[in-house]
Amino acid sequence: MSVGELACTYASLILHDDGIPITAEKIATLVKAANVSIESYWPSLFAKLAEKRNIEDLIMNVGAGGGGAPMAAAAPAAGGSAAPAAPAAKEEKKEEAKEESDDDMGFSLFD
């Protein structure tokens, strides 16, 4: 994630938390007040995202996008990857159960 994405993400979250409409000008103002220099297109991209998507939904679906996904990428990934993630988690649990512990091998770190 670039500095521009991160700064605009935080600015958008601050505006949302305070109940202020998320606009490119307000995002740019917050980023400038934080003394962060970013490319000029980031605030407008995040403002367009805020117009099309509900920020509350994006916040609630952060984990569905694969963990470290940026806010802009989390929007399309949230709907498509939520179902396959559940079976993968079950498979991992099965694999963990198959692994032998140190006690089963006849030795331990604390012998």
PDB file of N, CA and C in Angstrom:
ATOM      1  N   MET A   1       0.855  -1.170   0.000  1.00  0.00           N
ATOM      2  CA  MET A   1       0.000   0.000   0.000  1.00  0.00           C
ATOM      3  C   MET A   1       0.896   1.226   0.000  1.00  0.00           C
ATOM      4  N   SER A   2       0.586   2.153  -0.867  1.00  0.00           N
ATOM      5  CA  SER A   2       1.395   3.363  -0.964  1.00  0.00           C
ATOM      6  C   SER A   2       1.014   4.355   0.138  1.00  0.00           C
ATOM      7  N   VAL A   3       1.869   5.340   0.295  1.00  0.00           N
ATOM      8  CA  VAL A   3       1.615   6.386   1.288  1.00  0.00           C
ATOM      9  C   VAL A   3       0.329   7.132   0.948  1.00  0.00           C
ATOM     10  N   GLY A   4       0.096   7.356  -0.350  1.00  0.00           N
ATOM     11  CA  GLY A   4      -1.117   8.056  -0.776  1.00  0.00           C
ATOM     12  C   GLY A   4      -2.374   7.293  -0.411  1.00  0.00           C
ATOM     13  N   GLU A   5      -2.351   5.983  -0.650  1.00  0.00           N
ATOM     14  CA  GLU A   5      -3.511   5.153  -0.303  1.00  0.00           C
ATOM     15  C   GLU A   5      -3.760   5.159   1.200  1.00  0.00           C
ATOM     16  N   LEU A   6      -2.696   4.986   1.951  1.00  0.00           N
ATOM     17  CA  LEU A   6      -2.829   4.930   3.401  1.00  0.00           C
ATOM     18  C   LEU A   6      -3.339   6.256   3.972  1.00  0.00           C
ATOM     19  N   ALA A   7      -2.769   7.357   3.494  1.00  0.00           N
ATOM     20  CA  ALA A   7      -3.187   8.671   3.984  1.00  0.00           C
ATOM     21  C   ALA A   7      -4.652   8.941   3.653  1.00  0.00           C
ATOM     22  N   CYS A   8      -5.070   8.592   2.446  1.00  0.00           N
ATOM     23  CA  CYS A   8      -6.459   8.823   2.043  1.00  0.00           C
ATOM     24  C   CYS A   8      -7.411   7.876   2.770  1.00  0.00           C
ATOM     25  N   THR A   9      -6.947   6.681   3.049  1.00  0.00           N
ATOM     26  CA  THR A   9      -7.766   5.746   3.821  1.00  0.00           C
ATOM     27  C   THR A   9      -8.042   6.303   5.208  1.00  0.00           C
ATOM     28  N   TYR A  10      -6.988   6.751   5.876  1.00  0.00           N
ATOM     29  CA  TYR A  10      -7.168   7.322   7.209  1.00  0.00           C
ATOM     30  C   TYR A  10      -8.028   8.581   7.173  1.00  0.00           C
ATOM     31  N   ALA A  11      -7.810   9.428   6.185  1.00  0.00           N
ATOM     32  CA  ALA A  11      -8.605  10.653   6.065  1.00  0.00           C
ATOM     33  C   ALA A  11     -10.079  10.308   5.852  1.00  0.00           C
ATOM     34  N   SER A  12     -10.349   9.312   5.005  1.00  0.00           N
ATOM     35  CA  SER A  12     -11.735   8.899   4.760  1.00  0.00           C
ATOM     36  C   SER A  12     -12.376   8.348   6.021  1.00  0.00           C
ATOM     37  N   LEU A  13     -11.621   7.572   6.771  1.00  0.00           N
ATOM     38  CA  LEU A  13     -12.154   7.023   8.022  1.00  0.00           C
ATOM     39  C   LEU A  13     -12.423   8.113   9.050  1.00  0.00           C
ATOM     40  N   ILE A  14     -11.554   9.101   9.103  1.00  0.00           N
ATOM     41  CA  ILE A  14     -11.765  10.221  10.034  1.00  0.00           C
ATOM     42  C   ILE A  14     -13.039  10.976   9.662  1.00  0.00           C
ATOM     43  N   LEU A  15     -13.187  11.272   8.379  1.00  0.00           N
ATOM     44  CA  LEU A  15     -14.386  11.996   7.934  1.00  0.00           C
ATOM     45  C   LEU A  15     -15.644  11.173   8.207  1.00  0.00           C
ATOM     46  N   HIS A  16     -15.595   9.886   7.922  1.00  0.00           N
ATOM     47  CA  HIS A  16     -16.756   9.019   8.168  1.00  0.00           C
ATOM     48  C   HIS A  16     -17.092   8.967   9.652  1.00  0.00           C
ATOM     49  N   ASP A  17     -16.073   8.828  10.483  1.00  0.00           N
ATOM     50  CA  ASP A  17     -16.284   8.740  11.928  1.00  0.00           C
ATOM     51  C   ASP A  17     -16.916  10.009  12.485  1.00  0.00           C
ATOM     52  N   ASP A  18     -16.556  11.148  11.924  1.00  0.00           N
ATOM     53  CA  ASP A  18     -17.119  12.425  12.382  1.00  0.00           C
ATOM     54  C   ASP A  18     -18.441  12.764  11.706  1.00  0.00           C
ATOM     55  N   GLY A  19     -18.895  11.911  10.790  1.00  0.00           N
ATOM     56  CA  GLY A  19     -20.166  12.155  10.109  1.00  0.00           C
ATOM     57  C   GLY A  19     -20.091  13.252   9.062  1.00  0.00           C
ATOM     58  N   ILE A  20     -18.906  13.539   8.567  1.00  0.00           N
ATOM     59  CA  ILE A  20     -18.693  14.576   7.566  1.00  0.00           C
ATOM     60  C   ILE A  20     -18.706  13.914   6.185  1.00  0.00           C
ATOM     61  N   PRO A  21     -19.387  14.504   5.210  1.00  0.00           N
ATOM     62  CA  PRO A  21     -19.375  13.919   3.860  1.00  0.00           C
ATOM     63  C   PRO A  21     -17.943  13.802   3.320  1.00  0.00           C
ATOM     64  N   ILE A  22     -17.649  12.678   2.705  1.00  0.00           N
ATOM     65  CA  ILE A  22     -16.301  12.419   2.200  1.00  0.00           C
ATOM     66  C   ILE A  22     -16.185  12.978   0.787  1.00  0.00           C
ATOM     67  N   THR A  23     -15.411  14.050   0.666  1.00  0.00           N
ATOM     68  CA  THR A  23     -15.170  14.673  -0.637  1.00  0.00           C
ATOM     69  C   THR A  23     -13.667  14.731  -0.875  1.00  0.00           C
ATOM     70  N   ALA A  24     -13.281  14.902  -2.134  1.00  0.00           N
ATOM     71  CA  ALA A  24     -11.861  14.987  -2.482  1.00  0.00           C
ATOM     72  C   ALA A  24     -11.195  16.174  -1.785  1.00  0.00           C
ATOM     73  N   GLU A  25     -11.912  17.287  -1.688  1.00  0.00           N
ATOM     74  CA  GLU A  25     -11.344  18.477  -1.057  1.00  0.00           C
ATOM     75  C   GLU A  25     -11.078  18.251   0.428  1.00  0.00           C
ATOM     76  N   LYS A  26     -12.013  17.590   1.102  1.00  0.00           N
ATOM     77  CA  LYS A  26     -11.845  17.355   2.539  1.00  0.00           C
ATOM     78  C   LYS A  26     -10.751  16.331   2.808  1.00  0.00           C
ATOM     79  N   ILE A  27     -10.648  15.319   1.954  1.00  0.00           N
ATOM     80  CA  ILE A  27      -9.565  14.342   2.094  1.00  0.00           C
ATOM     81  C   ILE A  27      -8.224  15.039   1.889  1.00  0.00           C
ATOM     82  N   ALA A  28      -8.123  15.854   0.847  1.00  0.00           N
ATOM     83  CA  ALA A  28      -6.888  16.576   0.560  1.00  0.00           C
ATOM     84  C   ALA A  28      -6.518  17.521   1.704  1.00  0.00           C
ATOM     85  N   THR A  29      -7.510  18.156   2.301  1.00  0.00           N
ATOM     86  CA  THR A  29      -7.257  19.064   3.418  1.00  0.00           C
ATOM     87  C   THR A  29      -6.685  18.315   4.615  1.00  0.00           C
ATOM     88  N   LEU A  30      -7.258  17.153   4.938  1.00  0.00           N
ATOM     89  CA  LEU A  30      -6.752  16.363   6.066  1.00  0.00           C
ATOM     90  C   LEU A  30      -5.341  15.847   5.801  1.00  0.00           C
ATOM     91  N   VAL A  31      -5.102  15.396   4.583  1.00  0.00           N
ATOM     92  CA  VAL A  31      -3.775  14.882   4.235  1.00  0.00           C
ATOM     93  C   VAL A  31      -2.738  16.000   4.311  1.00  0.00           C
ATOM     94  N   LYS A  32      -3.102  17.179   3.820  1.00  0.00           N
ATOM     95  CA  LYS A  32      -2.189  18.320   3.868  1.00  0.00           C
ATOM     96  C   LYS A  32      -1.929  18.737   5.315  1.00  0.00           C
ATOM     97  N   ALA A  33      -2.960  18.705   6.153  1.00  0.00           N
ATOM     98  CA  ALA A  33      -2.794  19.070   7.564  1.00  0.00           C
ATOM     99  C   ALA A  33      -1.870  18.092   8.289  1.00  0.00           C
ATOM    100  N   ALA A  34      -1.796  16.866   7.786  1.00  0.00           N
ATOM    101  CA  ALA A  34      -0.920  15.859   8.395  1.00  0.00           C
ATOM    102  C   ALA A  34       0.501  15.932   7.836  1.00  0.00           C
ATOM    103  N   ASN A  35       0.761  16.905   6.964  1.00  0.00           N
ATOM    104  CA  ASN A  35       2.073  17.084   6.324  1.00  0.00           C
ATOM    105  C   ASN A  35       2.514  15.851   5.547  1.00  0.00           C
ATOM    106  N   VAL A  36       1.570  15.252   4.836  1.00  0.00           N
ATOM    107  CA  VAL A  36       1.878  14.105   3.986  1.00  0.00           C
ATOM    108  C   VAL A  36       1.709  14.547   2.542  1.00  0.00           C
ATOM    109  N   SER A  37       2.734  14.283   1.725  1.00  0.00           N
ATOM    110  CA  SER A  37       2.620  14.643   0.310  1.00  0.00           C
ATOM    111  C   SER A  37       2.221  13.394  -0.476  1.00  0.00           C
ATOM    112  N   ILE A  38       1.170  13.539  -1.270  1.00  0.00           N
ATOM    113  CA  ILE A  38       0.634  12.424  -2.054  1.00  0.00           C
ATOM    114  C   ILE A  38       0.386  12.892  -3.480  1.00  0.00           C
ATOM    115  N   GLU A  39       0.150  11.932  -4.370  1.00  0.00           N
ATOM    116  CA  GLU A  39      -0.216  12.267  -5.733  1.00  0.00           C
ATOM    117  C   GLU A  39      -1.616  12.890  -5.722  1.00  0.00           C
ATOM    118  N   SER A  40      -1.860  13.808  -6.631  1.00  0.00           N
ATOM    119  CA  SER A  40      -3.102  14.581  -6.612  1.00  0.00           C
ATOM    120  C   SER A  40      -4.345  13.754  -6.941  1.00  0.00           C
ATOM    121  N   TYR A  41      -4.197  12.579  -7.535  1.00  0.00           N
ATOM    122  CA  TYR A  41      -5.368  11.793  -7.918  1.00  0.00           C
ATOM    123  C   TYR A  41      -5.946  10.955  -6.780  1.00  0.00           C
ATOM    124  N   TRP A  42      -5.203  10.706  -5.716  1.00  0.00           N
ATOM    125  CA  TRP A  42      -5.703   9.844  -4.634  1.00  0.00           C
ATOM    126  C   TRP A  42      -6.973  10.359  -3.968  1.00  0.00           C
ATOM    127  N   PRO A  43      -7.049  11.646  -3.575  1.00  0.00           N
ATOM    128  CA  PRO A  43      -8.276  12.100  -2.915  1.00  0.00           C
ATOM    129  C   PRO A  43      -9.535  11.919  -3.757  1.00  0.00           C
ATOM    130  N   SER A  44      -9.440  12.184  -5.065  1.00  0.00           N
ATOM    131  CA  SER A  44     -10.633  12.027  -5.903  1.00  0.00           C
ATOM    132  C   SER A  44     -11.013  10.557  -6.057  1.00  0.00           C
ATOM    133  N   LEU A  45     -10.035   9.659  -6.122  1.00  0.00           N
ATOM    134  CA  LEU A  45     -10.347   8.231  -6.198  1.00  0.00           C
ATOM    135  C   LEU A  45     -11.095   7.757  -4.950  1.00  0.00           C
ATOM    136  N   PHE A  46     -10.619   8.178  -3.792  1.00  0.00           N
ATOM    137  CA  PHE A  46     -11.272   7.768  -2.554  1.00  0.00           C
ATOM    138  C   PHE A  46     -12.634   8.427  -2.385  1.00  0.00           C
ATOM    139  N   ALA A  47     -12.785   9.652  -2.864  1.00  0.00           N
ATOM    140  CA  ALA A  47     -14.093  10.314  -2.803  1.00  0.00           C
ATOM    141  C   ALA A  47     -15.095   9.591  -3.695  1.00  0.00           C
ATOM    142  N   LYS A  48     -14.646   9.155  -4.881  1.00  0.00           N
ATOM    143  CA  LYS A  48     -15.536   8.400  -5.777  1.00  0.00           C
ATOM    144  C   LYS A  48     -15.926   7.064  -5.164  1.00  0.00           C
ATOM    145  N   LEU A  49     -14.987   6.416  -4.496  1.00  0.00           N
ATOM    146  CA  LEU A  49     -15.284   5.158  -3.810  1.00  0.00           C
ATOM    147  C   LEU A  49     -16.342   5.388  -2.728  1.00  0.00           C
ATOM    148  N   ALA A  50     -16.204   6.470  -1.983  1.00  0.00           N
ATOM    149  CA  ALA A  50     -17.149   6.766  -0.906  1.00  0.00           C
ATOM    150  C   ALA A  50     -18.541   7.074  -1.453  1.00  0.00           C
ATOM    151  N   GLU A  51     -18.610   7.623  -2.674  1.00  0.00           N
ATOM    152  CA  GLU A  51     -19.913   7.888  -3.291  1.00  0.00           C
ATOM    153  C   GLU A  51     -20.606   6.591  -3.692  1.00  0.00           C
ATOM    154  N   LYS A  52     -19.834   5.626  -4.179  1.00  0.00           N
ATOM    155  CA  LYS A  52     -20.402   4.395  -4.721  1.00  0.00           C
ATOM    156  C   LYS A  52     -20.601   3.307  -3.676  1.00  0.00           C
ATOM    157  N   ARG A  53     -19.797   3.308  -2.629  1.00  0.00           N
ATOM    158  CA  ARG A  53     -19.866   2.255  -1.623  1.00  0.00           C
ATOM    159  C   ARG A  53     -20.129   2.859  -0.247  1.00  0.00           C
ATOM    160  N   ASN A  54     -20.777   2.093   0.583  1.00  0.00           N
ATOM    161  CA  ASN A  54     -21.014   2.496   1.960  1.00  0.00           C
ATOM    162  C   ASN A  54     -19.748   2.193   2.764  1.00  0.00           C
ATOM    163  N   ILE A  55     -19.158   3.207   3.371  1.00  0.00           N
ATOM    164  CA  ILE A  55     -17.921   3.036   4.128  1.00  0.00           C
ATOM    165  C   ILE A  55     -18.118   2.038   5.268  1.00  0.00           C
ATOM    166  N   GLU A  56     -19.268   2.053   5.876  1.00  0.00           N
ATOM    167  CA  GLU A  56     -19.564   1.115   6.971  1.00  0.00           C
ATOM    168  C   GLU A  56     -19.464  -0.337   6.477  1.00  0.00           C
ATOM    169  N   ASP A  57     -19.974  -0.606   5.273  1.00  0.00           N
ATOM    170  CA  ASP A  57     -19.873  -1.952   4.702  1.00  0.00           C
ATOM    171  C   ASP A  57     -18.420  -2.337   4.449  1.00  0.00           C
ATOM    172  N   LEU A  58     -17.624  -1.399   3.957  1.00  0.00           N
ATOM    173  CA  LEU A  58     -16.220  -1.674   3.710  1.00  0.00           C
ATOM    174  C   LEU A  58     -15.478  -1.994   5.000  1.00  0.00           C
ATOM    175  N   ILE A  59     -15.803  -1.283   6.056  1.00  0.00           N
ATOM    176  CA  ILE A  59     -15.161  -1.516   7.345  1.00  0.00           C
ATOM    177  C   ILE A  59     -15.525  -2.901   7.875  1.00  0.00           C
ATOM    178  N   MET A  60     -16.773  -3.277   7.735  1.00  0.00           N
ATOM    179  CA  MET A  60     -17.233  -4.565   8.261  1.00  0.00           C
ATOM    180  C   MET A  60     -16.710  -5.746   7.444  1.00  0.00           C
ATOM    181  N   ASN A  61     -16.334  -5.532   6.187  1.00  0.00           N
ATOM    182  CA  ASN A  61     -15.884  -6.617   5.306  1.00  0.00           C
ATOM    183  C   ASN A  61     -14.391  -6.582   5.030  1.00  0.00           C
ATOM    184  N   VAL A  62     -13.618  -5.982   5.887  1.00  0.00           N
ATOM    185  CA  VAL A  62     -12.183  -5.870   5.650  1.00  0.00           C
ATOM    186  C   VAL A  62     -11.540  -7.243   5.555  1.00  0.00           C
ATOM    187  N   GLY A  63     -11.881  -8.165   6.417  1.00  0.00           N
ATOM    188  CA  GLY A  63     -11.269  -9.491   6.412  1.00  0.00           C
ATOM    189  C   GLY A  63     -11.652 -10.336   5.224  1.00  0.00           C
ATOM    190  N   ALA A  64     -12.746 -10.041   4.569  1.00  0.00           N
ATOM    191  CA  ALA A  64     -13.198 -10.843   3.436  1.00  0.00           C
ATOM    192  C   ALA A  64     -12.333 -10.641   2.212  1.00  0.00           C
ATOM    193  N   GLY A  65     -11.581  -9.563   2.152  1.00  0.00           N
ATOM    194  CA  GLY A  65     -10.748  -9.286   1.000  1.00  0.00           C
ATOM    195  C   GLY A  65      -9.383  -9.924   1.060  1.00  0.00           C
ATOM    196  N   GLY A  66      -9.041 -10.635   2.110  1.00  0.00           N
ATOM    197  CA  GLY A  66      -7.754 -11.298   2.182  1.00  0.00           C
ATOM    198  C   GLY A  66      -6.810 -10.659   3.173  1.00  0.00           C
ATOM    199  N   GLY A  67      -7.292  -9.846   4.060  1.00  0.00           N
ATOM    200  CA  GLY A  67      -6.447  -9.307   5.109  1.00  0.00           C
ATOM    201  C   GLY A  67      -5.922  -7.921   4.803  1.00  0.00           C
ATOM    202  N   GLY A  68      -4.807  -7.805   4.144  1.00  0.00           N
ATOM    203  CA  GLY A  68      -4.147  -6.532   3.945  1.00  0.00           C
ATOM    204  C   GLY A  68      -4.609  -5.785   2.718  1.00  0.00           C
ATOM    205  N   ALA A  69      -5.755  -6.051   2.218  1.00  0.00           N
ATOM    206  CA  ALA A  69      -6.238  -5.392   1.009  1.00  0.00           C
ATOM    207  C   ALA A  69      -6.538  -3.927   1.300  1.00  0.00           C
ATOM    208  N   PRO A  70      -6.168  -3.025   0.392  1.00  0.00           N
ATOM    209  CA  PRO A  70      -6.502  -1.627   0.589  1.00  0.00           C
ATOM    210  C   PRO A  70      -7.995  -1.409   0.479  1.00  0.00           C
ATOM    211  N   MET A  71      -8.447  -0.272   0.958  1.00  0.00           N
ATOM    212  CA  MET A  71      -9.869   0.008   0.995  1.00  0.00           C
ATOM    213  C   MET A  71     -10.494  -0.045  -0.398  1.00  0.00           C
ATOM    214  N   ALA A  72      -9.830   0.465  -1.412  1.00  0.00           N
ATOM    215  CA  ALA A  72     -10.382   0.467  -2.763  1.00  0.00           C
ATOM    216  C   ALA A  72     -10.503  -0.939  -3.324  1.00  0.00           C
ATOM    217  N   ALA A  73      -9.576  -1.796  -3.025  1.00  0.00           N
ATOM    218  CA  ALA A  73      -9.613  -3.163  -3.550  1.00  0.00           C
ATOM    219  C   ALA A  73     -10.538  -4.056  -2.729  1.00  0.00           C
ATOM    220  N   ALA A  74     -10.825  -3.680  -1.507  1.00  0.00           N
ATOM    221  CA  ALA A  74     -11.680  -4.511  -0.658  1.00  0.00           C
ATOM    222  C   ALA A  74     -13.122  -4.502  -1.144  1.00  0.00           C
ATOM    223  N   ALA A  75     -13.545  -3.451  -1.818  1.00  0.00           N
ATOM    224  CA  ALA A  75     -14.935  -3.364  -2.255  1.00  0.00           C
ATOM    225  C   ALA A  75     -15.312  -4.468  -3.231  1.00  0.00           C
ATOM    226  N   PRO A  76     -14.601  -4.685  -4.346  1.00  0.00           N
ATOM    227  CA  PRO A  76     -15.009  -5.745  -5.251  1.00  0.00           C
ATOM    228  C   PRO A  76     -14.696  -7.133  -4.718  1.00  0.00           C
ATOM    229  N   ALA A  77     -13.667  -7.278  -3.927  1.00  0.00           N
ATOM    230  CA  ALA A  77     -13.262  -8.595  -3.448  1.00  0.00           C
ATOM    231  C   ALA A  77     -14.182  -9.118  -2.357  1.00  0.00           C
ATOM    232  N   ALA A  78     -14.875  -8.259  -1.669  1.00  0.00           N
ATOM    233  CA  ALA A  78     -15.672  -8.681  -0.523  1.00  0.00           C
ATOM    234  C   ALA A  78     -16.779  -9.651  -0.904  1.00  0.00           C
ATOM    235  N   GLY A  79     -17.470  -9.399  -1.991  1.00  0.00           N
ATOM    236  CA  GLY A  79     -18.576 -10.258  -2.375  1.00  0.00           C
ATOM    237  C   GLY A  79     -18.127 -11.578  -2.964  1.00  0.00           C
ATOM    238  N   GLY A  80     -17.078 -11.587  -3.743  1.00  0.00           N
ATOM    239  CA  GLY A  80     -16.675 -12.780  -4.459  1.00  0.00           C
ATOM    240  C   GLY A  80     -15.858 -13.764  -3.659  1.00  0.00           C
ATOM    241  N   SER A  81     -15.118 -13.327  -2.669  1.00  0.00           N
ATOM    242  CA  SER A  81     -14.219 -14.252  -1.997  1.00  0.00           C
ATOM    243  C   SER A  81     -14.707 -14.687  -0.624  1.00  0.00           C
ATOM    244  N   ALA A  82     -15.885 -14.279  -0.218  1.00  0.00           N
ATOM    245  CA  ALA A  82     -16.348 -14.640   1.121  1.00  0.00           C
ATOM    246  C   ALA A  82     -16.696 -16.123   1.215  1.00  0.00           C
ATOM    247  N   ALA A  83     -17.318 -16.706   0.202  1.00  0.00           N
ATOM    248  CA  ALA A  83     -17.718 -18.109   0.268  1.00  0.00           C
ATOM    249  C   ALA A  83     -16.535 -19.072   0.208  1.00  0.00           C
ATOM    250  N   PRO A  84     -15.548 -18.906  -0.703  1.00  0.00           N
ATOM    251  CA  PRO A  84     -14.444 -19.856  -0.751  1.00  0.00           C
ATOM    252  C   PRO A  84     -13.546 -19.799   0.479  1.00  0.00           C
ATOM    253  N   ALA A  85     -13.551 -18.713   1.211  1.00  0.00           N
ATOM    254  CA  ALA A  85     -12.671 -18.592   2.370  1.00  0.00           C
ATOM    255  C   ALA A  85     -13.067 -19.559   3.477  1.00  0.00           C
ATOM    256  N   ALA A  86     -14.334 -19.856   3.635  1.00  0.00           N
ATOM    257  CA  ALA A  86     -14.774 -20.736   4.710  1.00  0.00           C
ATOM    258  C   ALA A  86     -14.273 -22.168   4.533  1.00  0.00           C
ATOM    259  N   PRO A  87     -14.372 -22.799   3.355  1.00  0.00           N
ATOM    260  CA  PRO A  87     -13.847 -24.159   3.212  1.00  0.00           C
ATOM    261  C   PRO A  87     -12.338 -24.227   3.404  1.00  0.00           C
ATOM    262  N   ALA A  88     -11.616 -23.205   2.984  1.00  0.00           N
ATOM    263  CA  ALA A  88     -10.170 -23.207   3.148  1.00  0.00           C
ATOM    264  C   ALA A  88      -9.801 -23.235   4.623  1.00  0.00           C
ATOM    265  N   ALA A  89     -10.544 -22.525   5.444  1.00  0.00           N
ATOM    266  CA  ALA A  89     -10.267 -22.509   6.873  1.00  0.00           C
ATOM    267  C   ALA A  89     -10.513 -23.886   7.482  1.00  0.00           C
ATOM    268  N   LYS A  90     -11.537 -24.592   7.024  1.00  0.00           N
ATOM    269  CA  LYS A  90     -11.815 -25.923   7.540  1.00  0.00           C
ATOM    270  C   LYS A  90     -10.706 -26.892   7.163  1.00  0.00           C
ATOM    271  N   GLU A  91     -10.179 -26.784   5.952  1.00  0.00           N
ATOM    272  CA  GLU A  91      -9.105 -27.665   5.514  1.00  0.00           C
ATOM    273  C   GLU A  91      -7.858 -27.470   6.361  1.00  0.00           C
ATOM    274  N   GLU A  92      -7.545 -26.230   6.696  1.00  0.00           N
ATOM    275  CA  GLU A  92      -6.377 -25.958   7.521  1.00  0.00           C
ATOM    276  C   GLU A  92      -6.514 -26.610   8.893  1.00  0.00           C
ATOM    277  N   LYS A  93      -7.695 -26.579   9.458  1.00  0.00           N
ATOM    278  CA  LYS A  93      -7.907 -27.185  10.769  1.00  0.00           C
ATOM    279  C   LYS A  93      -7.699 -28.696  10.700  1.00  0.00           C
ATOM    280  N   LYS A  94      -8.125 -29.323   9.615  1.00  0.00           N
ATOM    281  CA  LYS A  94      -7.951 -30.760   9.459  1.00  0.00           C
ATOM    282  C   LYS A  94      -6.473 -31.116   9.372  1.00  0.00           C
ATOM    283  N   GLU A  95      -5.709 -30.314   8.646  1.00  0.00           N
ATOM    284  CA  GLU A  95      -4.286 -30.570   8.504  1.00  0.00           C
ATOM    285  C   GLU A  95      -3.573 -30.451   9.840  1.00  0.00           C
ATOM    286  N   GLU A  96      -3.964 -29.480  10.646  1.00  0.00           N
ATOM    287  CA  GLU A  96      -3.352 -29.320  11.956  1.00  0.00           C
ATOM    288  C   GLU A  96      -3.604 -30.534  12.830  1.00  0.00           C
ATOM    289  N   ALA A  97      -4.768 -31.123  12.731  1.00  0.00           N
ATOM    290  CA  ALA A  97      -5.102 -32.276  13.552  1.00  0.00           C
ATOM    291  C   ALA A  97      -4.269 -33.490  13.147  1.00  0.00           C
ATOM    292  N   LYS A  98      -3.877 -33.603  11.885  1.00  0.00           N
ATOM    293  CA  LYS A  98      -3.103 -34.736  11.407  1.00  0.00           C
ATOM    294  C   LYS A  98      -1.645 -34.680  11.850  1.00  0.00           C
ATOM    295  N   GLU A  99      -1.118 -33.485  12.074  1.00  0.00           N
ATOM    296  CA  GLU A  99       0.275 -33.349  12.469  1.00  0.00           C
ATOM    297  C   GLU A  99       0.519 -34.001  13.820  1.00  0.00           C
ATOM    298  N   GLU A 100       1.668 -34.644  13.939  1.00  0.00           N
ATOM    299  CA  GLU A 100       2.000 -35.289  15.201  1.00  0.00           C
ATOM    300  C   GLU A 100       2.628 -34.274  16.140  1.00  0.00           C
ATOM    301  N   SER A 101       2.344 -34.417  17.395  1.00  0.00           N
ATOM    302  CA  SER A 101       2.944 -33.529  18.374  1.00  0.00           C
ATOM    303  C   SER A 101       4.266 -34.123  18.842  1.00  0.00           C
ATOM    304  N   ASP A 102       5.039 -33.347  19.568  1.00  0.00           N
ATOM    305  CA  ASP A 102       6.316 -33.823  20.089  1.00  0.00           C
ATOM    306  C   ASP A 102       6.123 -35.019  21.022  1.00  0.00           C
ATOM    307  N   ASP A 103       5.039 -35.035  21.758  1.00  0.00           N
ATOM    308  CA  ASP A 103       4.771 -36.141  22.680  1.00  0.00           C
ATOM    309  C   ASP A 103       4.588 -37.452  21.923  1.00  0.00           C
ATOM    310  N   ASP A 104       3.969 -37.401  20.740  1.00  0.00           N
ATOM    311  CA  ASP A 104       3.745 -38.610  19.949  1.00  0.00           C
ATOM    312  C   ASP A 104       5.046 -39.175  19.396  1.00  0.00           C
ATOM    313  N   MET A 105       6.070 -38.348  19.227  1.00  0.00           N
ATOM    314  CA  MET A 105       7.340 -38.801  18.669  1.00  0.00           C
ATOM    315  C   MET A 105       8.261 -39.397  19.723  1.00  0.00           C
ATOM    316  N   GLY A 106       7.893 -39.268  20.962  1.00  0.00           N
ATOM    317  CA  GLY A 106       8.688 -39.845  22.028  1.00  0.00           C
ATOM    318  C   GLY A 106       9.707 -38.909  22.631  1.00  0.00           C
ATOM    319  N   PHE A 107       9.708 -37.658  22.232  1.00  0.00           N
ATOM    320  CA  PHE A 107      10.613 -36.709  22.854  1.00  0.00           C
ATOM    321  C   PHE A 107       9.932 -35.358  23.012  1.00  0.00           C
ATOM    322  N   SER A 108      10.525 -34.509  23.819  1.00  0.00           N
ATOM    323  CA  SER A 108       9.968 -33.204  24.084  1.00  0.00           C
ATOM    324  C   SER A 108      11.120 -32.222  24.292  1.00  0.00           C
ATOM    325  N   LEU A 109      10.845 -30.967  24.166  1.00  0.00           N
ATOM    326  CA  LEU A 109      11.855 -29.944  24.415  1.00  0.00           C
ATOM    327  C   LEU A 109      12.281 -29.915  25.874  1.00  0.00           C
ATOM    328  N   PHE A 110      11.414 -30.359  26.742  1.00  0.00           N
ATOM    329  CA  PHE A 110      11.666 -30.215  28.163  1.00  0.00           C
ATOM    330  C   PHE A 110      12.085 -31.533  28.824  1.00  0.00           C
ATOM    331  N   ASP A 111      12.559 -32.515  28.062  1.00  0.00           N
ATOM    332  CA  ASP A 111      13.015 -33.793  28.647  1.00  0.00           C
ATOM    333  C   ASP A 111      14.359 -33.629  29.296  1.00  0.00           C
TER     334      ASP A 111
END
